[in-house]
Amino acid sequence: MGKERNFLNFQNNRMLKKAVEREFEIIGEAMNRILKVDNEIKITSSRKIVDLRNYLSHGYDMVDYNTLWGIISKHLPQLEIEVSNLLNDRNSEV
């Protein structure tokens, strides 16, 4: 019930949805820049992250918030772990 309620809160909050869209644009742009430097980066679905950014930022008026919610709940936690691991690896090299 908790996840359903959180989705309903998300779905009914225009400001939150727009904020999430913007954050995904920022994440996608960062990933795009990283891939230009190191296209072998160990981030799952890195190309899909960039594709999502492009979809959101190029004025497509049909954002599927069910899909965004799925990304938030299923894929964002994994991305957070992978980024943390990369940062920890980099900090241990210094």
PDB file of N, CA and C in Angstrom:
ATOM      1  N   MET A   1       0.822  -1.197   0.000  1.00  0.00           N
ATOM      2  CA  MET A   1       0.000   0.000   0.000  1.00  0.00           C
ATOM      3  C   MET A   1       0.862   1.256   0.000  1.00  0.00           C
ATOM      4  N   GLY A   2       2.009   1.227   0.691  1.00  0.00           N
ATOM      5  CA  GLY A   2       2.857   2.408   0.787  1.00  0.00           C
ATOM      6  C   GLY A   2       3.375   2.880  -0.548  1.00  0.00           C
ATOM      7  N   LYS A   3       3.840   1.933  -1.376  1.00  0.00           N
ATOM      8  CA  LYS A   3       4.357   2.308  -2.695  1.00  0.00           C
ATOM      9  C   LYS A   3       3.259   2.874  -3.578  1.00  0.00           C
ATOM     10  N   GLU A   4       2.070   2.283  -3.505  1.00  0.00           N
ATOM     11  CA  GLU A   4       0.951   2.793  -4.293  1.00  0.00           C
ATOM     12  C   GLU A   4       0.607   4.212  -3.875  1.00  0.00           C
ATOM     13  N   ARG A   5       0.609   4.453  -2.583  1.00  0.00           N
ATOM     14  CA  ARG A   5       0.282   5.789  -2.086  1.00  0.00           C
ATOM     15  C   ARG A   5       1.338   6.800  -2.520  1.00  0.00           C
ATOM     16  N   ASN A   6       2.616   6.389  -2.458  1.00  0.00           N
ATOM     17  CA  ASN A   6       3.673   7.291  -2.899  1.00  0.00           C
ATOM     18  C   ASN A   6       3.532   7.614  -4.380  1.00  0.00           C
ATOM     19  N   PHE A   7       3.149   6.622  -5.184  1.00  0.00           N
ATOM     20  CA  PHE A   7       2.943   6.882  -6.598  1.00  0.00           C
ATOM     21  C   PHE A   7       1.781   7.849  -6.790  1.00  0.00           C
ATOM     22  N   LEU A   8       0.716   7.668  -6.045  1.00  0.00           N
ATOM     23  CA  LEU A   8      -0.426   8.582  -6.160  1.00  0.00           C
ATOM     24  C   LEU A   8      -0.026   9.998  -5.767  1.00  0.00           C
ATOM     25  N   ASN A   9       0.771  10.134  -4.719  1.00  0.00           N
ATOM     26  CA  ASN A   9       1.265  11.455  -4.327  1.00  0.00           C
ATOM     27  C   ASN A   9       2.104  12.060  -5.453  1.00  0.00           C
ATOM     28  N   PHE A  10       2.964  11.245  -6.029  1.00  0.00           N
ATOM     29  CA  PHE A  10       3.798  11.689  -7.146  1.00  0.00           C
ATOM     30  C   PHE A  10       2.925  12.096  -8.330  1.00  0.00           C
ATOM     31  N   GLN A  11       2.007  11.233  -8.698  1.00  0.00           N
ATOM     32  CA  GLN A  11       1.162  11.456  -9.867  1.00  0.00           C
ATOM     33  C   GLN A  11       0.306  12.715  -9.729  1.00  0.00           C
ATOM     34  N   ASN A  12      -0.082  13.045  -8.529  1.00  0.00           N
ATOM     35  CA  ASN A  12      -0.965  14.193  -8.298  1.00  0.00           C
ATOM     36  C   ASN A  12      -0.227  15.481  -7.953  1.00  0.00           C
ATOM     37  N   ASN A  13       1.095  15.463  -7.944  1.00  0.00           N
ATOM     38  CA  ASN A  13       1.869  16.638  -7.561  1.00  0.00           C
ATOM     39  C   ASN A  13       2.657  17.135  -8.777  1.00  0.00           C
ATOM     40  N   ARG A  14       2.115  18.128  -9.459  1.00  0.00           N
ATOM     41  CA  ARG A  14       2.736  18.637 -10.690  1.00  0.00           C
ATOM     42  C   ARG A  14       4.152  19.152 -10.450  1.00  0.00           C
ATOM     43  N   MET A  15       4.356  19.866  -9.349  1.00  0.00           N
ATOM     44  CA  MET A  15       5.681  20.415  -9.068  1.00  0.00           C
ATOM     45  C   MET A  15       6.697  19.282  -8.851  1.00  0.00           C
ATOM     46  N   LEU A  16       6.299  18.250  -8.151  1.00  0.00           N
ATOM     47  CA  LEU A  16       7.186  17.115  -7.923  1.00  0.00           C
ATOM     48  C   LEU A  16       7.512  16.412  -9.235  1.00  0.00           C
ATOM     49  N   LYS A  17       6.519  16.211 -10.090  1.00  0.00           N
ATOM     50  CA  LYS A  17       6.767  15.564 -11.379  1.00  0.00           C
ATOM     51  C   LYS A  17       7.742  16.374 -12.215  1.00  0.00           C
ATOM     52  N   LYS A  18       7.569  17.690 -12.248  1.00  0.00           N
ATOM     53  CA  LYS A  18       8.477  18.540 -13.025  1.00  0.00           C
ATOM     54  C   LYS A  18       9.878  18.533 -12.424  1.00  0.00           C
ATOM     55  N   ALA A  19       9.971  18.487 -11.109  1.00  0.00           N
ATOM     56  CA  ALA A  19      11.281  18.425 -10.453  1.00  0.00           C
ATOM     57  C   ALA A  19      11.986  17.112 -10.795  1.00  0.00           C
ATOM     58  N   VAL A  20      11.240  16.019 -10.795  1.00  0.00           N
ATOM     59  CA  VAL A  20      11.812  14.717 -11.145  1.00  0.00           C
ATOM     60  C   VAL A  20      12.284  14.732 -12.596  1.00  0.00           C
ATOM     61  N   GLU A  21      11.473  15.273 -13.486  1.00  0.00           N
ATOM     62  CA  GLU A  21      11.883  15.379 -14.891  1.00  0.00           C
ATOM     63  C   GLU A  21      13.202  16.135 -14.996  1.00  0.00           C
ATOM     64  N   ARG A  22      13.302  17.252 -14.304  1.00  0.00           N
ATOM     65  CA  ARG A  22      14.511  18.080 -14.365  1.00  0.00           C
ATOM     66  C   ARG A  22      15.722  17.329 -13.829  1.00  0.00           C
ATOM     67  N   GLU A  23      15.542  16.623 -12.732  1.00  0.00           N
ATOM     68  CA  GLU A  23      16.650  15.850 -12.166  1.00  0.00           C
ATOM     69  C   GLU A  23      17.117  14.760 -13.128  1.00  0.00           C
ATOM     70  N   PHE A  24      16.178  14.119 -13.819  1.00  0.00           N
ATOM     71  CA  PHE A  24      16.562  13.120 -14.812  1.00  0.00           C
ATOM     72  C   PHE A  24      17.292  13.771 -15.988  1.00  0.00           C
ATOM     73  N   GLU A  25      16.907  14.972 -16.355  1.00  0.00           N
ATOM     74  CA  GLU A  25      17.639  15.686 -17.407  1.00  0.00           C
ATOM     75  C   GLU A  25      19.078  15.945 -16.976  1.00  0.00           C
ATOM     76  N   ILE A  26      19.260  16.357 -15.741  1.00  0.00           N
ATOM     77  CA  ILE A  26      20.601  16.643 -15.219  1.00  0.00           C
ATOM     78  C   ILE A  26      21.435  15.367 -15.163  1.00  0.00           C
ATOM     79  N   ILE A  27      20.855  14.289 -14.656  1.00  0.00           N
ATOM     80  CA  ILE A  27      21.564  13.010 -14.590  1.00  0.00           C
ATOM     81  C   ILE A  27      21.948  12.550 -16.000  1.00  0.00           C
ATOM     82  N   GLY A  28      21.029  12.675 -16.934  1.00  0.00           N
ATOM     83  CA  GLY A  28      21.302  12.262 -18.312  1.00  0.00           C
ATOM     84  C   GLY A  28      22.379  13.084 -18.977  1.00  0.00           C
ATOM     85  N   GLU A  29      22.380  14.384 -18.719  1.00  0.00           N
ATOM     86  CA  GLU A  29      23.419  15.246 -19.292  1.00  0.00           C
ATOM     87  C   GLU A  29      24.778  14.908 -18.692  1.00  0.00           C
ATOM     88  N   ALA A  30      24.813  14.660 -17.403  1.00  0.00           N
ATOM     89  CA  ALA A  30      26.074  14.261 -16.766  1.00  0.00           C
ATOM     90  C   ALA A  30      26.581  12.947 -17.354  1.00  0.00           C
ATOM     91  N   MET A  31      25.675  11.995 -17.549  1.00  0.00           N
ATOM     92  CA  MET A  31      26.071  10.708 -18.128  1.00  0.00           C
ATOM     93  C   MET A  31      26.584  10.891 -19.555  1.00  0.00           C
ATOM     94  N   ASN A  32      25.951  11.751 -20.320  1.00  0.00           N
ATOM     95  CA  ASN A  32      26.395  12.034 -21.680  1.00  0.00           C
ATOM     96  C   ASN A  32      27.829  12.568 -21.677  1.00  0.00           C
ATOM     97  N   ARG A  33      28.115  13.467 -20.775  1.00  0.00           N
ATOM     98  CA  ARG A  33      29.470  14.020 -20.685  1.00  0.00           C
ATOM     99  C   ARG A  33      30.482  12.973 -20.249  1.00  0.00           C
ATOM    100  N   ILE A  34      30.077  12.126 -19.304  1.00  0.00           N
ATOM    101  CA  ILE A  34      30.974  11.066 -18.834  1.00  0.00           C
ATOM    102  C   ILE A  34      31.288  10.091 -19.967  1.00  0.00           C
ATOM    103  N   LEU A  35      30.277   9.718 -20.738  1.00  0.00           N
ATOM    104  CA  LEU A  35      30.483   8.771 -21.838  1.00  0.00           C
ATOM    105  C   LEU A  35      31.424   9.318 -22.902  1.00  0.00           C
ATOM    106  N   LYS A  36      31.462  10.628 -23.057  1.00  0.00           N
ATOM    107  CA  LYS A  36      32.390  11.233 -24.017  1.00  0.00           C
ATOM    108  C   LYS A  36      33.832  11.083 -23.551  1.00  0.00           C
ATOM    109  N   VAL A  37      34.033  10.997 -22.243  1.00  0.00           N
ATOM    110  CA  VAL A  37      35.375  10.837 -21.688  1.00  0.00           C
ATOM    111  C   VAL A  37      35.745   9.360 -21.558  1.00  0.00           C
ATOM    112  N   ASP A  38      34.762   8.549 -21.139  1.00  0.00           N
ATOM    113  CA  ASP A  38      35.018   7.126 -20.898  1.00  0.00           C
ATOM    114  C   ASP A  38      33.777   6.327 -21.268  1.00  0.00           C
ATOM    115  N   ASN A  39      33.748   5.826 -22.494  1.00  0.00           N
ATOM    116  CA  ASN A  39      32.555   5.097 -22.923  1.00  0.00           C
ATOM    117  C   ASN A  39      32.502   3.675 -22.385  1.00  0.00           C
ATOM    118  N   GLU A  40      33.473   3.284 -21.584  1.00  0.00           N
ATOM    119  CA  GLU A  40      33.495   1.971 -20.930  1.00  0.00           C
ATOM    120  C   GLU A  40      33.085   2.065 -19.461  1.00  0.00           C
ATOM    121  N   ILE A  41      32.516   3.185 -19.061  1.00  0.00           N
ATOM    122  CA  ILE A  41      32.135   3.403 -17.662  1.00  0.00           C
ATOM    123  C   ILE A  41      31.208   2.289 -17.196  1.00  0.00           C
ATOM    124  N   LYS A  42      31.369   1.869 -15.963  1.00  0.00           N
ATOM    125  CA  LYS A  42      30.591   0.752 -15.425  1.00  0.00           C
ATOM    126  C   LYS A  42      29.305   1.252 -14.779  1.00  0.00           C
ATOM    127  N   ILE A  43      28.423   1.765 -15.625  1.00  0.00           N
ATOM    128  CA  ILE A  43      27.088   2.209 -15.207  1.00  0.00           C
ATOM    129  C   ILE A  43      26.084   1.444 -16.065  1.00  0.00           C
ATOM    130  N   THR A  44      25.212   0.701 -15.415  1.00  0.00           N
ATOM    131  CA  THR A  44      24.195  -0.064 -16.121  1.00  0.00           C
ATOM    132  C   THR A  44      23.287   0.879 -16.906  1.00  0.00           C
ATOM    133  N   SER A  45      23.025   0.534 -18.136  1.00  0.00           N
ATOM    134  CA  SER A  45      22.087   1.283 -18.998  1.00  0.00           C
ATOM    135  C   SER A  45      22.485   2.746 -19.194  1.00  0.00           C
ATOM    136  N   SER A  46      23.780   3.004 -19.267  1.00  0.00           N
ATOM    137  CA  SER A  46      24.230   4.390 -19.406  1.00  0.00           C
ATOM    138  C   SER A  46      23.647   5.060 -20.648  1.00  0.00           C
ATOM    139  N   ARG A  47      23.559   4.340 -21.737  1.00  0.00           N
ATOM    140  CA  ARG A  47      22.994   4.914 -22.964  1.00  0.00           C
ATOM    141  C   ARG A  47      21.506   5.214 -22.795  1.00  0.00           C
ATOM    142  N   LYS A  48      20.795   4.358 -22.090  1.00  0.00           N
ATOM    143  CA  LYS A  48      19.370   4.594 -21.852  1.00  0.00           C
ATOM    144  C   LYS A  48      19.149   5.827 -20.970  1.00  0.00           C
ATOM    145  N   ILE A  49      20.078   6.086 -20.075  1.00  0.00           N
ATOM    146  CA  ILE A  49      19.991   7.276 -19.222  1.00  0.00           C
ATOM    147  C   ILE A  49      20.073   8.525 -20.092  1.00  0.00           C
ATOM    148  N   VAL A  50      21.000   8.525 -21.035  1.00  0.00           N
ATOM    149  CA  VAL A  50      21.150   9.656 -21.952  1.00  0.00           C
ATOM    150  C   VAL A  50      19.905   9.768 -22.839  1.00  0.00           C
ATOM    151  N   ASP A  51      19.407   8.647 -23.316  1.00  0.00           N
ATOM    152  CA  ASP A  51      18.206   8.668 -24.155  1.00  0.00           C
ATOM    153  C   ASP A  51      17.008   9.246 -23.412  1.00  0.00           C
ATOM    154  N   LEU A  52      16.863   8.909 -22.136  1.00  0.00           N
ATOM    155  CA  LEU A  52      15.776   9.477 -21.337  1.00  0.00           C
ATOM    156  C   LEU A  52      15.934  10.982 -21.230  1.00  0.00           C
ATOM    157  N   ARG A  53      17.147  11.430 -20.997  1.00  0.00           N
ATOM    158  CA  ARG A  53      17.412  12.877 -20.927  1.00  0.00           C
ATOM    159  C   ARG A  53      16.983  13.553 -22.214  1.00  0.00           C
ATOM    160  N   ASN A  54      17.359  12.972 -23.337  1.00  0.00           N
ATOM    161  CA  ASN A  54      17.007  13.556 -24.630  1.00  0.00           C
ATOM    162  C   ASN A  54      15.502  13.603 -24.821  1.00  0.00           C
ATOM    163  N   TYR A  55      14.839  12.539 -24.449  1.00  0.00           N
ATOM    164  CA  TYR A  55      13.382  12.478 -24.568  1.00  0.00           C
ATOM    165  C   TYR A  55      12.716  13.570 -23.735  1.00  0.00           C
ATOM    166  N   LEU A  56      13.194  13.755 -22.505  1.00  0.00           N
ATOM    167  CA  LEU A  56      12.588  14.746 -21.613  1.00  0.00           C
ATOM    168  C   LEU A  56      12.912  16.183 -22.022  1.00  0.00           C
ATOM    169  N   SER A  57      14.129  16.412 -22.485  1.00  0.00           N
ATOM    170  CA  SER A  57      14.564  17.791 -22.689  1.00  0.00           C
ATOM    171  C   SER A  57      14.265  18.367 -24.065  1.00  0.00           C
ATOM    172  N   HIS A  58      13.865  17.527 -24.999  1.00  0.00           N
ATOM    173  CA  HIS A  58      13.619  18.045 -26.339  1.00  0.00           C
ATOM    174  C   HIS A  58      12.159  18.340 -26.609  1.00  0.00           C
ATOM    175  N   GLY A  59      11.434  18.630 -25.558  1.00  0.00           N
ATOM    176  CA  GLY A  59      10.092  19.133 -25.724  1.00  0.00           C
ATOM    177  C   GLY A  59       9.028  18.123 -26.055  1.00  0.00           C
ATOM    178  N   TYR A  60       9.312  16.859 -25.809  1.00  0.00           N
ATOM    179  CA  TYR A  60       8.275  15.873 -26.057  1.00  0.00           C
ATOM    180  C   TYR A  60       7.170  16.072 -25.023  1.00  0.00           C
ATOM    181  N   ASP A  61       5.965  16.211 -25.503  1.00  0.00           N
ATOM    182  CA  ASP A  61       4.868  16.566 -24.598  1.00  0.00           C
ATOM    183  C   ASP A  61       4.139  15.361 -24.018  1.00  0.00           C
ATOM    184  N   MET A  62       4.623  14.189 -24.281  1.00  0.00           N
ATOM    185  CA  MET A  62       3.953  12.991 -23.795  1.00  0.00           C
ATOM    186  C   MET A  62       4.850  12.235 -22.811  1.00  0.00           C
ATOM    187  N   VAL A  63       5.048  12.787 -21.635  1.00  0.00           N
ATOM    188  CA  VAL A  63       5.844  12.114 -20.618  1.00  0.00           C
ATOM    189  C   VAL A  63       4.959  11.079 -19.934  1.00  0.00           C
ATOM    190  N   ASP A  64       5.433   9.862 -19.877  1.00  0.00           N
ATOM    191  CA  ASP A  64       4.707   8.785 -19.209  1.00  0.00           C
ATOM    192  C   ASP A  64       5.209   8.710 -17.762  1.00  0.00           C
ATOM    193  N   TYR A  65       4.410   9.215 -16.854  1.00  0.00           N
ATOM    194  CA  TYR A  65       4.827   9.264 -15.456  1.00  0.00           C
ATOM    195  C   TYR A  65       4.848   7.883 -14.820  1.00  0.00           C
ATOM    196  N   ASN A  66       4.107   6.932 -15.366  1.00  0.00           N
ATOM    197  CA  ASN A  66       4.217   5.551 -14.892  1.00  0.00           C
ATOM    198  C   ASN A  66       5.618   5.014 -15.173  1.00  0.00           C
ATOM    199  N   THR A  67       6.149   5.334 -16.350  1.00  0.00           N
ATOM    200  CA  THR A  67       7.502   4.913 -16.704  1.00  0.00           C
ATOM    201  C   THR A  67       8.526   5.590 -15.806  1.00  0.00           C
ATOM    202  N   LEU A  68       8.369   6.897 -15.590  1.00  0.00           N
ATOM    203  CA  LEU A  68       9.302   7.597 -14.702  1.00  0.00           C
ATOM    204  C   LEU A  68       9.273   6.997 -13.304  1.00  0.00           C
ATOM    205  N   TRP A  69       8.088   6.682 -12.805  1.00  0.00           N
ATOM    206  CA  TRP A  69       7.977   6.088 -11.476  1.00  0.00           C
ATOM    207  C   TRP A  69       8.684   4.729 -11.450  1.00  0.00           C
ATOM    208  N   GLY A  70       8.546   3.957 -12.521  1.00  0.00           N
ATOM    209  CA  GLY A  70       9.236   2.676 -12.603  1.00  0.00           C
ATOM    210  C   GLY A  70      10.748   2.849 -12.560  1.00  0.00           C
ATOM    211  N   ILE A  71      11.236   3.870 -13.233  1.00  0.00           N
ATOM    212  CA  ILE A  71      12.674   4.155 -13.212  1.00  0.00           C
ATOM    213  C   ILE A  71      13.110   4.547 -11.810  1.00  0.00           C
ATOM    214  N   ILE A  72      12.312   5.383 -11.163  1.00  0.00           N
ATOM    215  CA  ILE A  72      12.627   5.818  -9.796  1.00  0.00           C
ATOM    216  C   ILE A  72      12.700   4.618  -8.862  1.00  0.00           C
ATOM    217  N   SER A  73      11.718   3.756  -8.929  1.00  0.00           N
ATOM    218  CA  SER A  73      11.636   2.666  -7.959  1.00  0.00           C
ATOM    219  C   SER A  73      12.516   1.472  -8.304  1.00  0.00           C
ATOM    220  N   LYS A  74      12.760   1.215  -9.587  1.00  0.00           N
ATOM    221  CA  LYS A  74      13.505   0.016  -9.965  1.00  0.00           C
ATOM    222  C   LYS A  74      14.957   0.278 -10.344  1.00  0.00           C
ATOM    223  N   HIS A  75      15.241   1.398 -10.976  1.00  0.00           N
ATOM    224  CA  HIS A  75      16.581   1.613 -11.542  1.00  0.00           C
ATOM    225  C   HIS A  75      17.412   2.666 -10.808  1.00  0.00           C
ATOM    226  N   LEU A  76      16.781   3.646 -10.230  1.00  0.00           N
ATOM    227  CA  LEU A  76      17.535   4.702  -9.553  1.00  0.00           C
ATOM    228  C   LEU A  76      18.356   4.178  -8.373  1.00  0.00           C
ATOM    229  N   PRO A  77      17.824   3.248  -7.567  1.00  0.00           N
ATOM    230  CA  PRO A  77      18.655   2.709  -6.476  1.00  0.00           C
ATOM    231  C   PRO A  77      19.938   2.046  -6.982  1.00  0.00           C
ATOM    232  N   GLN A  78      19.857   1.315  -8.082  1.00  0.00           N
ATOM    233  CA  GLN A  78      21.048   0.675  -8.656  1.00  0.00           C
ATOM    234  C   GLN A  78      22.038   1.722  -9.165  1.00  0.00           C
ATOM    235  N   LEU A  79      21.537   2.764  -9.802  1.00  0.00           N
ATOM    236  CA  LEU A  79      22.409   3.836 -10.282  1.00  0.00           C
ATOM    237  C   LEU A  79      23.134   4.492  -9.107  1.00  0.00           C
ATOM    238  N   GLU A  80      22.428   4.716  -8.027  1.00  0.00           N
ATOM    239  CA  GLU A  80      23.050   5.325  -6.845  1.00  0.00           C
ATOM    240  C   GLU A  80      24.192   4.449  -6.322  1.00  0.00           C
ATOM    241  N   ILE A  81      23.981   3.146  -6.268  1.00  0.00           N
ATOM    242  CA  ILE A  81      25.021   2.220  -5.809  1.00  0.00           C
ATOM    243  C   ILE A  81      26.216   2.259  -6.755  1.00  0.00           C
ATOM    244  N   GLU A  82      25.975   2.219  -8.054  1.00  0.00           N
ATOM    245  CA  GLU A  82      27.071   2.201  -9.030  1.00  0.00           C
ATOM    246  C   GLU A  82      27.882   3.495  -8.979  1.00  0.00           C
ATOM    247  N   VAL A  83      27.208   4.625  -8.859  1.00  0.00           N
ATOM    248  CA  VAL A  83      27.918   5.905  -8.775  1.00  0.00           C
ATOM    249  C   VAL A  83      28.727   5.972  -7.487  1.00  0.00           C
ATOM    250  N   SER A  84      28.148   5.535  -6.381  1.00  0.00           N
ATOM    251  CA  SER A  84      28.878   5.515  -5.106  1.00  0.00           C
ATOM    252  C   SER A  84      30.118   4.637  -5.201  1.00  0.00           C
ATOM    253  N   ASN A  85      29.973   3.474  -5.825  1.00  0.00           N
ATOM    254  CA  ASN A  85      31.129   2.586  -5.985  1.00  0.00           C
ATOM    255  C   ASN A  85      32.226   3.230  -6.826  1.00  0.00           C
ATOM    256  N   LEU A  86      31.834   3.881  -7.907  1.00  0.00           N
ATOM    257  CA  LEU A  86      32.831   4.558  -8.747  1.00  0.00           C
ATOM    258  C   LEU A  86      33.547   5.664  -7.990  1.00  0.00           C
ATOM    259  N   LEU A  87      32.778   6.430  -7.225  1.00  0.00           N
ATOM    260  CA  LEU A  87      33.384   7.515  -6.438  1.00  0.00           C
ATOM    261  C   LEU A  87      34.304   6.963  -5.360  1.00  0.00           C
ATOM    262  N   ASN A  88      33.901   5.882  -4.711  1.00  0.00           N
ATOM    263  CA  ASN A  88      34.758   5.265  -3.688  1.00  0.00           C
ATOM    264  C   ASN A  88      36.038   4.718  -4.299  1.00  0.00           C
ATOM    265  N   ASP A  89      35.921   4.080  -5.471  1.00  0.00           N
ATOM    266  CA  ASP A  89      37.109   3.583  -6.162  1.00  0.00           C
ATOM    267  C   ASP A  89      38.056   4.716  -6.519  1.00  0.00           C
ATOM    268  N   ARG A  90      37.487   5.802  -6.987  1.00  0.00           N
ATOM    269  CA  ARG A  90      38.308   6.959  -7.381  1.00  0.00           C
ATOM    270  C   ARG A  90      38.972   7.579  -6.159  1.00  0.00           C
ATOM    271  N   ASN A  91      38.238   7.705  -5.061  1.00  0.00           N
ATOM    272  CA  ASN A  91      38.806   8.290  -3.836  1.00  0.00           C
ATOM    273  C   ASN A  91      39.883   7.401  -3.240  1.00  0.00           C
ATOM    274  N   SER A  92      39.774   6.101  -3.390  1.00  0.00           N
ATOM    275  CA  SER A  92      40.786   5.197  -2.841  1.00  0.00           C
ATOM    276  C   SER A  92      42.068   5.245  -3.660  1.00  0.00           C
ATOM    277  N   GLU A  93      41.991   5.709  -4.904  1.00  0.00           N
ATOM    278  CA  GLU A  93      43.185   5.826  -5.755  1.00  0.00           C
ATOM    279  C   GLU A  93      43.995   7.070  -5.415  1.00  0.00           C
ATOM    280  N   VAL A  94      43.342   8.048  -4.800  1.00  0.00           N
ATOM    281  CA  VAL A  94      44.012   9.322  -4.517  1.00  0.00           C
ATOM    282  C   VAL A  94      44.863   9.257  -3.303  1.00  0.00           C
TER     283      VAL A  94
END
